[in-house]
Amino acid sequence: MNIYLVRHGESQANLEKLFYGSLDSPLTEQGVEDAELAAKKLKDLPVQALYSSPLIRAYATAEYISAEMGLPIQSDQRLVEQHFGSFEGFTYEKLKEDHGSVFVDYYHGSWCEETPLGGESFADMVERIEPFLKEIIEKGEDCLIVSHNGVMRTLLYLILDLAPQHVHRMYFTQGDYCHFETDRGSFVIRAINK
């Protein structure tokens, strides 16, 4: 079984350098180019299923891939980005100004241990994403998943059985993708590309 993970194209909130997760934000012109490029590169993959976060930046990216592959999009709420609570919708600079080292520490690594006020913890993300991963592995279909940086990191955490403190070291830029091949519970990383 092959699993392909794809991050959405650049969003307006990315361009504005906003800290956002569950907020919706459309693709920019660059984001459309990111999505089109990913769709062209991935169009010949022999996948049977295409899953996407319902958030517009991911779903719009998935639409470009769907058009190239001829596969319907299966939207799944479990693939939405982490909810950052009171941090959402503000620039990084504003959050540093208002929250100081609390935000800086959170952003640079403590997000696996800390939860922003009104937000979702890393443990909560694992709890909602792990059943999704188990379901697709049980189905055994080669699939492509369009989602978000935090979701992709959480999937890698689960797939590779990583320690939580290593999760924040991974980062996917817009339009990046990676490929895993699994057989009888073992996973092999085949590629990480843009």
Protein backbone atom coordinates (compact mmCIF):
# COMPACT_ATOMS: atom_id res chain seq x y z
CA MET A 1 0.00 0.00 0.00
CA ASN A 2 1.20 3.51 -0.84
CA ILE A 3 0.26 6.66 1.07
CA TYR A 4 1.01 10.08 -0.40
CA LEU A 5 0.74 13.18 1.81
CA VAL A 6 0.37 16.59 0.14
CA ARG A 7 0.33 19.99 1.80
CA HIS A 8 -2.05 22.61 0.41
CA GLY A 9 -0.79 25.50 -1.72
CA GLU A 10 0.00 28.92 -0.30
CA SER A 11 -3.01 30.56 1.36
CA GLN A 12 -3.83 34.21 1.92
CA ALA A 13 -3.13 33.73 5.65
CA ASN A 14 0.32 32.28 4.80
CA LEU A 15 1.01 35.37 2.72
CA GLU A 16 -0.11 37.65 5.57
CA LYS A 17 2.04 35.63 8.02
CA LEU A 18 -0.94 34.86 10.22
CA PHE A 19 -0.91 32.12 12.80
CA TYR A 20 -3.99 30.16 11.84
CA GLY A 21 -5.14 26.59 11.89
CA SER A 22 -8.86 25.98 11.83
CA LEU A 23 -9.57 29.35 10.20
CA ASP A 24 -10.42 29.18 6.51
CA SER A 25 -8.21 31.02 4.06
CA PRO A 26 -8.30 30.82 0.24
CA LEU A 27 -5.37 30.03 -2.00
CA THR A 28 -3.31 32.91 -3.37
CA GLU A 29 -2.17 33.06 -7.00
CA GLN A 30 1.01 31.35 -5.84
CA GLY A 31 -1.14 28.79 -4.00
CA VAL A 32 -2.98 27.98 -7.22
CA GLU A 33 0.41 27.50 -8.93
CA ASP A 34 1.53 25.25 -6.04
CA ALA A 35 -1.65 23.17 -6.43
CA GLU A 36 -1.38 22.96 -10.22
CA LEU A 37 2.27 21.89 -10.02
CA ALA A 38 1.50 19.21 -7.41
CA ALA A 39 -1.42 17.98 -9.54
CA LYS A 40 0.76 17.70 -12.65
CA LYS A 41 3.55 15.89 -10.81
CA LEU A 42 1.19 13.46 -9.10
CA LYS A 43 -1.36 12.85 -11.88
CA ASP A 44 -0.02 9.46 -12.94
CA LEU A 45 0.14 7.91 -9.47
CA PRO A 46 -1.82 4.67 -9.34
CA VAL A 47 -3.98 5.69 -6.37
CA GLN A 48 -7.52 4.52 -5.71
CA ALA A 49 -8.60 7.15 -3.16
CA LEU A 50 -8.16 10.90 -2.70
CA TYR A 51 -8.80 12.34 0.77
CA SER A 52 -8.81 16.00 1.79
CA SER A 53 -9.31 18.30 4.70
CA PRO A 54 -12.54 20.27 4.16
CA LEU A 55 -10.76 23.59 4.83
CA ILE A 56 -10.77 25.58 1.58
CA ARG A 57 -6.99 25.85 1.12
CA ALA A 58 -6.63 22.06 1.22
CA TYR A 59 -9.87 21.24 -0.58
CA ALA A 60 -9.08 23.68 -3.42
CA THR A 61 -5.65 22.05 -3.77
CA ALA A 62 -7.34 18.64 -3.85
CA GLU A 63 -9.67 19.86 -6.61
CA TYR A 64 -6.70 20.45 -8.93
CA ILE A 65 -5.37 16.98 -8.12
CA SER A 66 -8.82 15.45 -8.55
CA ALA A 67 -9.19 17.04 -11.99
CA GLU A 68 -5.84 15.59 -13.13
CA MET A 69 -6.40 12.13 -11.63
CA GLY A 70 -10.11 11.76 -12.30
CA LEU A 71 -10.74 10.73 -8.70
CA PRO A 72 -13.52 12.04 -6.45
CA ILE A 73 -12.46 13.89 -3.29
CA GLN A 74 -13.39 12.28 0.00
CA SER A 75 -13.55 15.15 2.49
CA ASP A 76 -12.75 14.17 6.08
CA GLN A 77 -13.08 16.48 9.08
CA ARG A 78 -10.32 14.58 10.90
CA LEU A 79 -7.81 16.08 8.44
CA VAL A 80 -8.36 19.73 9.45
CA GLU A 81 -5.43 21.65 10.87
CA GLN A 82 -4.90 22.02 14.60
CA HIS A 83 -7.10 24.62 16.28
CA PHE A 84 -4.77 27.20 17.83
CA GLY A 85 -7.41 28.82 20.04
CA SER A 86 -6.60 32.35 21.16
CA PHE A 87 -3.51 32.44 18.89
CA GLU A 88 -5.55 32.17 15.69
CA GLY A 89 -5.83 35.09 13.28
CA PHE A 90 -2.89 37.13 14.55
CA THR A 91 0.53 37.71 13.00
CA TYR A 92 3.54 36.01 14.50
CA GLU A 93 4.90 39.43 15.48
CA LYS A 94 1.68 40.39 17.28
CA LEU A 95 1.63 37.10 19.16
CA LYS A 96 5.29 37.57 20.19
CA GLU A 97 4.46 41.09 21.32
CA ASP A 98 1.35 40.08 23.30
CA HIS A 99 2.46 36.68 24.65
CA GLY A 100 6.26 36.92 24.65
CA SER A 101 8.17 33.77 25.45
CA VAL A 102 4.96 31.76 25.97
CA PHE A 103 4.21 32.03 22.25
CA VAL A 104 7.84 31.76 21.13
CA ASP A 105 8.30 28.56 23.18
CA TYR A 106 5.02 27.18 21.88
CA TYR A 107 5.89 27.95 18.26
CA HIS A 108 9.42 26.53 18.50
CA GLY A 109 8.62 23.22 20.10
CA SER A 110 6.38 23.15 23.14
CA TRP A 111 3.23 22.81 21.00
CA CYS A 112 3.36 19.06 21.57
CA GLU A 113 3.07 19.63 25.32
CA GLU A 114 1.14 22.90 25.62
CA THR A 115 -2.36 23.87 24.49
CA PRO A 116 -3.28 27.46 23.58
CA LEU A 117 -6.27 28.88 25.44
CA GLY A 118 -9.40 27.55 23.75
CA GLY A 119 -7.35 25.47 21.33
CA GLU A 120 -6.59 21.85 20.55
CA SER A 121 -3.70 19.91 22.03
CA PHE A 122 -1.33 17.69 20.09
CA ALA A 123 -2.81 14.72 22.00
CA ASP A 124 -6.27 15.76 20.72
CA MET A 125 -4.91 15.81 17.16
CA VAL A 126 -3.44 12.34 17.56
CA GLU A 127 -6.77 11.11 18.95
CA ARG A 128 -8.71 12.28 15.88
CA ILE A 129 -6.09 11.48 13.19
CA GLU A 130 -5.02 8.01 14.37
CA PRO A 131 -8.42 6.37 13.67
CA PHE A 132 -8.36 7.88 10.16
CA LEU A 133 -4.90 6.41 9.52
CA LYS A 134 -5.97 2.99 10.82
CA GLU A 135 -9.06 3.04 8.59
CA ILE A 136 -7.12 3.76 5.41
CA ILE A 137 -4.50 1.13 6.25
CA GLU A 138 -7.26 -1.43 6.85
CA LYS A 139 -8.76 -0.58 3.45
CA GLY A 140 -5.35 -1.17 1.88
CA GLU A 141 -5.94 1.19 -1.05
CA ASP A 142 -3.14 3.32 -2.43
CA CYS A 143 -4.25 6.83 -1.49
CA LEU A 144 -3.35 10.48 -1.58
CA ILE A 145 -4.14 12.80 1.36
CA VAL A 146 -4.26 16.60 0.95
CA SER A 147 -4.00 18.38 4.25
CA HIS A 148 -1.96 20.74 6.43
CA ASN A 149 1.52 20.98 7.93
CA GLY A 150 0.37 20.00 11.43
CA VAL A 151 -1.71 17.09 10.17
CA MET A 152 1.16 15.84 7.99
CA ARG A 153 3.53 16.04 10.95
CA THR A 154 1.03 14.14 13.10
CA LEU A 155 0.64 11.45 10.42
CA LEU A 156 4.43 11.12 10.24
CA TYR A 157 4.56 10.91 14.04
CA LEU A 158 2.10 8.01 13.89
CA ILE A 159 3.56 6.29 10.82
CA LEU A 160 7.16 6.47 12.01
CA ASP A 161 6.38 6.02 15.74
CA LEU A 162 8.34 9.14 16.64
CA ALA A 163 8.84 10.69 20.06
CA PRO A 164 6.66 13.83 20.45
CA GLN A 165 9.68 16.10 20.92
CA HIS A 166 10.77 15.37 17.33
CA VAL A 167 7.49 16.34 15.69
CA HIS A 168 8.15 20.10 15.68
CA ARG A 169 11.38 19.57 13.71
CA MET A 170 9.45 18.51 10.60
CA TYR A 171 8.08 21.12 8.23
CA PHE A 172 6.40 20.95 4.84
CA THR A 173 6.24 24.00 2.60
CA GLN A 174 3.17 24.64 0.48
CA GLY A 175 2.71 22.06 -2.26
CA ASP A 176 5.23 19.61 -0.74
CA TYR A 177 4.46 15.92 -0.74
CA CYS A 178 5.91 12.72 0.63
CA HIS A 179 5.37 9.04 -0.14
CA PHE A 180 5.21 6.07 2.19
CA GLU A 181 5.00 2.45 1.27
CA THR A 182 3.73 -0.01 3.84
CA ASP A 183 3.66 -3.77 3.95
CA ARG A 184 2.58 -5.76 7.00
CA GLY A 185 2.97 -2.83 9.41
CA SER A 186 6.38 -1.58 8.24
CA PHE A 187 6.73 1.76 6.48
CA VAL A 188 9.35 2.92 4.00
CA ILE A 189 9.78 6.59 3.05
CA ARG A 190 10.15 6.71 -0.75
CA ALA A 191 10.34 10.44 -1.46
CA ILE A 192 9.85 13.92 -0.11
CA ASN A 193 9.49 16.35 -2.99
CA LYS A 194 8.10 19.56 -4.32
